[in-house]
């Protein structure tokens, strides 16, 4: 009986350790932030402070909506579309118009 209980405790502890891989770590969040910062450099009309604000919003939204495992299992086009949608929504929420070269700058009132 004691061996059974001990075995169950060890198994539970082991599962707990493995499930921690689904937690967004500081390194994961830093990677999301850096990826977003480099992605939004194409918006030449933004300041560094604006890009930082958008990137912070981006990591907040992504880590709230998706688990680490689910996000990492996505293919590139899924991540690209999520990234564009979240960045645009964050910019809109922050009152920042994103203008790309050779494209008209959108109005925030729309």
Protein backbone atom coordinates (compact mmCIF):
# COMPACT_ATOMS: atom_id res chain seq x y z
CA UNK A 1 0.00 0.00 0.00
CA UNK A 2 2.80 2.43 0.88
CA UNK A 3 4.57 1.62 -2.39
CA UNK A 4 1.41 2.35 -4.35
CA UNK A 5 0.94 5.72 -2.65
CA UNK A 6 4.61 6.57 -3.11
CA UNK A 7 4.43 5.61 -6.78
CA UNK A 8 1.35 7.77 -7.29
CA UNK A 9 3.04 10.73 -5.61
CA UNK A 10 6.15 10.35 -7.77
CA UNK A 11 4.01 10.10 -10.92
CA UNK A 12 1.98 13.16 -9.94
CA UNK A 13 5.13 15.14 -9.25
CA UNK A 14 6.65 14.08 -12.57
CA UNK A 15 3.53 15.08 -14.48
CA UNK A 16 3.59 18.43 -12.72
CA UNK A 17 7.15 19.05 -13.88
CA UNK A 18 6.34 18.15 -17.47
CA UNK A 19 3.23 20.31 -17.54
CA UNK A 20 5.40 23.32 -16.65
CA UNK A 21 6.66 23.34 -20.24
CA UNK A 22 3.29 24.86 -21.17
CA UNK A 23 4.04 27.98 -19.10
CA UNK A 24 5.19 31.10 -20.94
CA UNK A 25 8.66 31.74 -19.50
CA UNK A 26 10.51 35.03 -19.40
CA UNK A 27 12.66 33.83 -22.31
CA UNK A 28 9.55 32.92 -24.34
CA UNK A 29 8.01 36.32 -23.69
CA UNK A 30 11.29 38.05 -24.59
CA UNK A 31 11.39 36.11 -27.87
CA UNK A 32 7.81 37.17 -28.68
CA UNK A 33 8.65 40.78 -27.85
CA UNK A 34 11.83 40.78 -29.97
CA UNK A 35 10.01 39.12 -32.87
CA UNK A 36 7.26 41.73 -32.74
CA UNK A 37 9.74 44.62 -32.46
CA UNK A 38 11.62 43.45 -35.54
CA UNK A 39 8.38 42.81 -37.44
CA UNK A 40 6.95 46.29 -36.88
CA UNK A 41 10.08 48.14 -38.02
CA UNK A 42 8.40 48.15 -41.45
CA UNK A 43 6.08 50.84 -40.07
CA UNK A 44 8.47 53.75 -40.52
CA UNK A 45 6.07 56.31 -39.05
CA UNK A 46 6.28 54.79 -35.55
CA UNK A 47 8.63 55.85 -32.81
CA UNK A 48 10.60 53.37 -30.73
CA UNK A 49 8.28 54.07 -27.76
CA UNK A 50 5.25 53.26 -29.91
CA UNK A 51 6.84 50.03 -31.17
CA UNK A 52 7.65 49.06 -27.57
CA UNK A 53 4.05 49.71 -26.50
CA UNK A 54 2.67 47.68 -29.39
CA UNK A 55 5.08 44.83 -28.67
CA UNK A 56 4.15 44.75 -24.98
CA UNK A 57 0.48 44.67 -25.93
CA UNK A 58 1.26 41.91 -28.46
CA UNK A 59 2.92 39.60 -25.92
CA UNK A 60 0.12 40.25 -23.45
CA UNK A 61 -2.57 39.31 -25.96
CA UNK A 62 -0.75 36.28 -27.39
CA UNK A 63 0.15 34.80 -24.00
CA UNK A 64 -3.38 35.39 -22.73
CA UNK A 65 -5.13 33.85 -25.73
CA UNK A 66 -2.81 30.92 -26.58
CA UNK A 67 -0.95 28.36 -24.54
CA UNK A 68 2.73 28.05 -25.28
CA UNK A 69 2.28 24.53 -26.67
CA UNK A 70 -0.62 25.56 -28.93
CA UNK A 71 1.23 28.61 -30.23
CA UNK A 72 4.41 26.65 -30.92
CA UNK A 73 2.43 24.00 -32.80
CA UNK A 74 1.11 26.56 -35.30
CA UNK A 75 2.51 26.81 -38.80
CA UNK A 76 4.17 29.99 -40.06
CA UNK A 77 1.16 31.38 -41.92
CA UNK A 78 -1.05 30.99 -38.82
CA UNK A 79 1.48 32.86 -36.71
CA UNK A 80 1.87 35.55 -39.38
CA UNK A 81 -1.87 36.18 -39.51
CA UNK A 82 -2.21 36.20 -35.74
CA UNK A 83 0.75 38.57 -35.49
CA UNK A 84 -0.69 41.00 -38.04
CA UNK A 85 -4.16 40.95 -36.48
CA UNK A 86 -2.91 41.42 -32.92
CA UNK A 87 -0.45 44.15 -33.90
CA UNK A 88 -3.14 46.04 -35.80
CA UNK A 89 -5.58 45.72 -32.90
CA UNK A 90 -2.96 46.81 -30.36
CA UNK A 91 -2.01 49.81 -32.50
CA UNK A 92 -5.64 50.78 -32.86
CA UNK A 93 -6.23 50.43 -29.10
CA UNK A 94 -3.16 52.59 -28.45
CA UNK A 95 -4.19 55.21 -31.01
CA UNK A 96 -1.24 54.55 -33.32
CA UNK A 97 -1.70 54.65 -37.11
CA UNK A 98 0.50 52.08 -38.85
CA UNK A 99 1.74 53.30 -42.24
CA UNK A 100 3.80 51.16 -44.57
CA UNK A 101 5.77 52.54 -47.51
CA UNK A 102 3.73 52.68 -50.73
CA UNK A 103 0.46 52.26 -48.80
CA UNK A 104 -1.86 54.99 -47.60
CA UNK A 105 -1.89 55.54 -43.87
CA UNK A 106 -5.18 54.26 -42.43
CA UNK A 107 -7.41 56.54 -40.44
CA UNK A 108 -7.86 55.47 -36.82
CA UNK A 109 -11.50 56.57 -36.90
CA UNK A 110 -12.50 53.65 -39.15
